[in-house]
N, C-alpha and C. Protein backbone atom coordinates (compact mmCIF):
# COMPACT_ATOMS: atom_id res chain seq x y z
N MET A 1 -23.09 10.20 3.18
CA MET A 1 -22.49 8.97 2.67
C MET A 1 -23.21 7.78 3.30
N THR A 2 -23.67 6.86 2.49
CA THR A 2 -24.34 5.69 3.03
C THR A 2 -23.32 4.64 3.43
N THR A 3 -23.79 3.64 4.16
CA THR A 3 -22.85 2.62 4.65
C THR A 3 -22.20 1.85 3.52
N SER A 4 -22.88 1.69 2.39
CA SER A 4 -22.28 0.97 1.26
C SER A 4 -21.19 1.78 0.56
N GLU A 5 -21.18 3.09 0.79
CA GLU A 5 -20.19 3.95 0.16
C GLU A 5 -19.05 4.31 1.09
N GLU A 6 -19.06 3.81 2.32
CA GLU A 6 -18.02 4.17 3.27
C GLU A 6 -16.67 3.67 2.80
N LYS A 7 -15.64 4.41 3.18
CA LYS A 7 -14.29 4.06 2.78
C LYS A 7 -13.85 2.79 3.50
N LYS A 8 -13.07 1.99 2.80
CA LYS A 8 -12.43 0.84 3.43
C LYS A 8 -11.30 1.40 4.27
N THR A 9 -11.24 1.00 5.52
CA THR A 9 -10.15 1.50 6.35
C THR A 9 -9.42 0.33 7.00
N ALA A 10 -8.13 0.45 7.04
CA ALA A 10 -7.29 -0.53 7.70
C ALA A 10 -6.99 -0.01 9.10
N PRO A 11 -6.66 -0.90 10.00
CA PRO A 11 -6.32 -0.42 11.34
C PRO A 11 -5.09 0.47 11.30
N GLU A 12 -5.11 1.50 12.12
CA GLU A 12 -3.97 2.41 12.19
C GLU A 12 -2.77 1.69 12.80
N LEU A 13 -1.61 1.97 12.26
CA LEU A 13 -0.39 1.40 12.79
C LEU A 13 0.22 2.36 13.79
N ASN A 14 0.76 1.83 14.89
CA ASN A 14 1.43 2.71 15.83
C ASN A 14 2.87 2.95 15.37
N ALA A 15 3.59 3.82 16.06
CA ALA A 15 4.94 4.21 15.64
C ALA A 15 5.90 3.02 15.63
N LYS A 16 5.77 2.14 16.60
CA LYS A 16 6.66 0.97 16.67
C LYS A 16 6.42 0.04 15.48
N GLN A 17 5.17 -0.16 15.12
CA GLN A 17 4.83 -1.03 13.99
C GLN A 17 5.31 -0.41 12.68
N LYS A 18 5.14 0.90 12.52
CA LYS A 18 5.60 1.56 11.30
C LYS A 18 7.11 1.45 11.17
N LYS A 19 7.82 1.65 12.26
CA LYS A 19 9.28 1.55 12.24
C LYS A 19 9.71 0.15 11.82
N PHE A 20 9.04 -0.87 12.36
CA PHE A 20 9.33 -2.26 12.03
C PHE A 20 9.10 -2.51 10.54
N LEU A 21 7.96 -2.04 10.01
CA LEU A 21 7.62 -2.24 8.60
C LEU A 21 8.55 -1.47 7.67
N LYS A 22 8.97 -0.28 8.08
CA LYS A 22 9.93 0.49 7.28
C LYS A 22 11.23 -0.28 7.13
N GLY A 23 11.66 -0.93 8.21
CA GLY A 23 12.87 -1.74 8.16
C GLY A 23 12.73 -2.91 7.20
N LEU A 24 11.58 -3.56 7.23
CA LEU A 24 11.33 -4.68 6.31
C LEU A 24 11.23 -4.20 4.87
N GLY A 25 10.68 -3.02 4.67
CA GLY A 25 10.45 -2.51 3.33
C GLY A 25 11.66 -1.90 2.66
N HIS A 26 12.70 -1.66 3.44
CA HIS A 26 13.89 -0.99 2.91
C HIS A 26 14.46 -1.67 1.66
N ASP A 27 14.60 -2.98 1.69
CA ASP A 27 15.23 -3.71 0.59
C ASP A 27 14.25 -4.19 -0.49
N LEU A 28 12.97 -3.89 -0.33
CA LEU A 28 11.99 -4.32 -1.33
C LEU A 28 12.13 -3.52 -2.62
N THR A 29 11.80 -4.15 -3.72
CA THR A 29 11.75 -3.44 -4.99
C THR A 29 10.27 -3.14 -5.28
N PRO A 30 9.98 -2.03 -5.95
CA PRO A 30 8.58 -1.70 -6.25
C PRO A 30 7.93 -2.77 -7.13
N VAL A 31 6.71 -3.17 -6.77
CA VAL A 31 5.98 -4.18 -7.55
C VAL A 31 4.86 -3.57 -8.36
N VAL A 32 4.54 -2.30 -8.10
CA VAL A 32 3.53 -1.58 -8.86
C VAL A 32 4.15 -0.25 -9.28
N ALA A 33 3.95 0.12 -10.55
CA ALA A 33 4.46 1.39 -11.05
C ALA A 33 3.29 2.20 -11.61
N ILE A 34 3.26 3.47 -11.28
CA ILE A 34 2.20 4.35 -11.75
C ILE A 34 2.82 5.36 -12.70
N GLY A 35 2.32 5.37 -13.92
CA GLY A 35 2.88 6.23 -14.96
C GLY A 35 1.94 7.31 -15.41
N LYS A 36 2.04 7.66 -16.68
CA LYS A 36 1.27 8.78 -17.23
C LYS A 36 -0.24 8.53 -17.27
N GLU A 37 -0.64 7.26 -17.19
CA GLU A 37 -2.08 6.95 -17.19
C GLU A 37 -2.73 7.35 -15.87
N GLY A 38 -1.92 7.49 -14.83
CA GLY A 38 -2.44 7.88 -13.53
C GLY A 38 -2.98 6.71 -12.74
N LEU A 39 -3.91 7.03 -11.89
CA LEU A 39 -4.44 6.05 -10.94
C LEU A 39 -5.80 5.56 -11.42
N GLY A 40 -5.81 4.43 -12.10
CA GLY A 40 -7.05 3.87 -12.60
C GLY A 40 -7.45 2.62 -11.82
N GLU A 41 -8.56 2.05 -12.22
CA GLU A 41 -9.07 0.85 -11.55
C GLU A 41 -8.10 -0.32 -11.67
N LYS A 42 -7.40 -0.42 -12.81
CA LYS A 42 -6.43 -1.50 -13.00
C LYS A 42 -5.29 -1.41 -11.98
N ILE A 43 -4.84 -0.20 -11.69
CA ILE A 43 -3.75 0.00 -10.73
C ILE A 43 -4.22 -0.40 -9.33
N VAL A 44 -5.43 -0.02 -8.97
CA VAL A 44 -5.97 -0.37 -7.65
C VAL A 44 -6.09 -1.89 -7.52
N LYS A 45 -6.58 -2.54 -8.57
CA LYS A 45 -6.70 -4.01 -8.54
C LYS A 45 -5.34 -4.69 -8.46
N ALA A 46 -4.38 -4.18 -9.23
CA ALA A 46 -3.02 -4.75 -9.20
C ALA A 46 -2.40 -4.58 -7.82
N THR A 47 -2.63 -3.42 -7.21
CA THR A 47 -2.10 -3.17 -5.87
C THR A 47 -2.74 -4.11 -4.85
N ALA A 48 -4.04 -4.29 -4.94
CA ALA A 48 -4.74 -5.20 -4.02
C ALA A 48 -4.23 -6.63 -4.18
N LEU A 49 -3.99 -7.05 -5.42
CA LEU A 49 -3.48 -8.39 -5.68
C LEU A 49 -2.09 -8.56 -5.07
N GLU A 50 -1.21 -7.60 -5.28
CA GLU A 50 0.14 -7.69 -4.72
C GLU A 50 0.12 -7.67 -3.20
N LEU A 51 -0.78 -6.88 -2.61
CA LEU A 51 -0.90 -6.86 -1.15
C LEU A 51 -1.35 -8.22 -0.61
N SER A 52 -2.23 -8.88 -1.35
CA SER A 52 -2.68 -10.20 -0.89
C SER A 52 -1.56 -11.23 -0.99
N ARG A 53 -0.64 -11.03 -1.90
CA ARG A 53 0.49 -11.96 -2.06
C ARG A 53 1.62 -11.69 -1.07
N HIS A 54 1.87 -10.40 -0.77
CA HIS A 54 3.07 -10.05 -0.02
C HIS A 54 2.84 -9.33 1.31
N GLU A 55 1.68 -8.80 1.57
CA GLU A 55 1.34 -7.99 2.75
C GLU A 55 2.02 -6.62 2.77
N LEU A 56 3.30 -6.53 2.43
CA LEU A 56 4.03 -5.27 2.43
C LEU A 56 4.61 -5.05 1.04
N ILE A 57 4.24 -3.92 0.41
CA ILE A 57 4.72 -3.67 -0.95
C ILE A 57 5.17 -2.22 -1.13
N LYS A 58 6.04 -2.04 -2.12
CA LYS A 58 6.47 -0.71 -2.53
C LYS A 58 5.80 -0.39 -3.86
N ILE A 59 5.43 0.88 -4.00
CA ILE A 59 4.83 1.38 -5.23
C ILE A 59 5.64 2.59 -5.68
N LYS A 60 5.97 2.63 -6.96
CA LYS A 60 6.75 3.74 -7.52
C LYS A 60 5.83 4.62 -8.35
N VAL A 61 5.82 5.91 -8.05
CA VAL A 61 5.04 6.87 -8.82
C VAL A 61 6.00 7.56 -9.79
N GLY A 62 5.73 7.42 -11.08
CA GLY A 62 6.61 7.97 -12.10
C GLY A 62 6.54 9.50 -12.20
N LYS A 63 7.52 10.07 -12.86
CA LYS A 63 7.58 11.53 -13.04
C LYS A 63 6.42 12.04 -13.87
N ASN A 64 5.91 11.21 -14.78
CA ASN A 64 4.83 11.62 -15.68
C ASN A 64 3.44 11.44 -15.10
N SER A 65 3.34 10.95 -13.88
CA SER A 65 2.03 10.70 -13.28
C SER A 65 1.29 12.02 -13.05
N PRO A 66 0.00 12.08 -13.50
CA PRO A 66 -0.76 13.31 -13.31
C PRO A 66 -1.23 13.52 -11.87
N VAL A 67 -1.12 12.49 -11.04
CA VAL A 67 -1.58 12.56 -9.66
C VAL A 67 -0.36 12.65 -8.74
N SER A 68 -0.45 13.47 -7.71
CA SER A 68 0.68 13.62 -6.78
C SER A 68 0.89 12.32 -6.00
N CYS A 69 2.07 12.18 -5.47
CA CYS A 69 2.41 10.98 -4.70
C CYS A 69 1.51 10.85 -3.47
N GLN A 70 1.26 11.97 -2.79
CA GLN A 70 0.41 11.96 -1.59
C GLN A 70 -1.01 11.53 -1.93
N GLU A 71 -1.58 12.09 -2.99
CA GLU A 71 -2.94 11.72 -3.42
C GLU A 71 -3.00 10.24 -3.82
N THR A 72 -1.97 9.78 -4.53
CA THR A 72 -1.91 8.39 -4.95
C THR A 72 -1.87 7.47 -3.74
N ALA A 73 -1.04 7.80 -2.76
CA ALA A 73 -0.92 6.98 -1.55
C ALA A 73 -2.25 6.89 -0.81
N GLU A 74 -2.91 8.02 -0.65
CA GLU A 74 -4.20 8.03 0.06
C GLU A 74 -5.25 7.24 -0.70
N SER A 75 -5.32 7.44 -2.02
CA SER A 75 -6.31 6.74 -2.84
C SER A 75 -6.08 5.23 -2.82
N LEU A 76 -4.83 4.81 -2.97
CA LEU A 76 -4.53 3.37 -2.96
C LEU A 76 -4.79 2.76 -1.58
N SER A 77 -4.46 3.49 -0.55
CA SER A 77 -4.70 3.00 0.81
C SER A 77 -6.20 2.77 1.04
N ILE A 78 -6.99 3.73 0.64
CA ILE A 78 -8.45 3.62 0.80
C ILE A 78 -9.01 2.55 -0.12
N GLY A 79 -8.59 2.56 -1.38
CA GLY A 79 -9.11 1.62 -2.37
C GLY A 79 -8.80 0.17 -2.09
N THR A 80 -7.68 -0.08 -1.39
CA THR A 80 -7.29 -1.46 -1.10
C THR A 80 -7.53 -1.85 0.35
N GLY A 81 -7.90 -0.89 1.18
CA GLY A 81 -8.11 -1.18 2.60
C GLY A 81 -6.80 -1.44 3.33
N SER A 82 -5.73 -0.83 2.85
CA SER A 82 -4.40 -1.06 3.43
C SER A 82 -3.97 0.14 4.27
N SER A 83 -2.89 -0.05 5.00
CA SER A 83 -2.32 1.01 5.83
C SER A 83 -1.14 1.64 5.13
N LEU A 84 -1.11 2.95 5.11
CA LEU A 84 0.01 3.69 4.55
C LEU A 84 1.12 3.72 5.60
N VAL A 85 2.25 3.11 5.25
CA VAL A 85 3.37 3.04 6.18
C VAL A 85 4.27 4.25 6.00
N GLN A 86 4.60 4.57 4.73
CA GLN A 86 5.61 5.59 4.48
C GLN A 86 5.53 6.10 3.05
N ILE A 87 5.91 7.37 2.88
CA ILE A 87 6.12 7.95 1.55
C ILE A 87 7.50 8.58 1.58
N ILE A 88 8.36 8.12 0.69
CA ILE A 88 9.68 8.73 0.54
C ILE A 88 9.83 9.12 -0.92
N GLY A 89 9.91 10.40 -1.17
CA GLY A 89 10.02 10.88 -2.55
C GLY A 89 8.83 10.43 -3.37
N LYS A 90 9.09 9.59 -4.36
CA LYS A 90 8.03 9.07 -5.23
C LYS A 90 7.74 7.59 -4.96
N THR A 91 8.13 7.11 -3.78
CA THR A 91 7.93 5.71 -3.41
C THR A 91 6.99 5.61 -2.22
N ILE A 92 6.02 4.72 -2.35
CA ILE A 92 5.00 4.52 -1.32
C ILE A 92 5.16 3.11 -0.75
N LEU A 93 5.01 2.98 0.55
CA LEU A 93 5.06 1.68 1.21
C LEU A 93 3.70 1.42 1.85
N LEU A 94 3.04 0.33 1.43
CA LEU A 94 1.72 -0.04 1.95
C LEU A 94 1.76 -1.40 2.63
N TYR A 95 0.92 -1.57 3.65
CA TYR A 95 0.83 -2.84 4.37
C TYR A 95 -0.63 -3.22 4.54
N LYS A 96 -0.92 -4.51 4.33
CA LYS A 96 -2.25 -5.04 4.60
C LYS A 96 -2.09 -6.47 5.09
N LYS A 97 -2.58 -6.72 6.27
CA LYS A 97 -2.49 -8.06 6.87
C LYS A 97 -3.30 -9.05 6.04
N ASN A 98 -2.73 -10.25 5.84
CA ASN A 98 -3.42 -11.31 5.11
C ASN A 98 -3.34 -12.59 5.93
N THR A 99 -4.44 -12.96 6.55
CA THR A 99 -4.47 -14.16 7.39
C THR A 99 -4.52 -15.44 6.56
N GLN A 100 -4.66 -15.32 5.24
CA GLN A 100 -4.73 -16.50 4.39
C GLN A 100 -3.36 -17.00 3.95
N LEU A 101 -2.34 -16.19 4.18
CA LEU A 101 -0.98 -16.63 3.86
C LEU A 101 -0.54 -17.70 4.86
N GLU A 102 0.43 -18.51 4.44
CA GLU A 102 0.99 -19.50 5.36
C GLU A 102 1.59 -18.77 6.55
N LYS A 103 1.53 -19.40 7.72
CA LYS A 103 1.99 -18.72 8.94
C LYS A 103 3.43 -18.25 8.87
N ASP A 104 4.30 -19.04 8.25
CA ASP A 104 5.71 -18.66 8.19
C ASP A 104 5.97 -17.53 7.18
N LYS A 105 4.99 -17.19 6.33
CA LYS A 105 5.17 -16.10 5.36
C LYS A 105 4.50 -14.82 5.81
N ARG A 106 3.73 -14.86 6.89
CA ARG A 106 3.06 -13.65 7.38
C ARG A 106 4.02 -12.74 8.13
N ILE A 107 3.72 -11.47 8.08
CA ILE A 107 4.49 -10.50 8.85
C ILE A 107 3.87 -10.42 10.25
N ARG A 108 4.71 -10.58 11.26
CA ARG A 108 4.23 -10.50 12.64
C ARG A 108 4.62 -9.13 13.20
N LEU A 109 3.61 -8.29 13.38
CA LEU A 109 3.88 -6.94 13.89
C LEU A 109 4.20 -6.98 15.38
N PRO A 110 5.07 -6.08 15.83
CA PRO A 110 5.38 -6.01 17.27
C PRO A 110 4.22 -5.45 18.07
């Protein structure tokens, strides 16, 4: 693999940070839904856009999705350079720090 093909990786979150983000994500509604079309470039772009707006997002994987929830979570995490916080059932929680947001809207990790 050449350097131009290397995976985008986000910094690993420690247990305390994941617990904090899970608490914040509990009341969120999913902003991206993955259906029978599966995981295409449009879904990755939509996920990246939502991460830039919110830093922490929920993604719902539908029953008709041809890709498993675990595969979807890993692919989206790599494709967007975000950190996988949690997978519960068919719901994925992703986090990506955005320093361009206003200071009062940023998530401050412990």
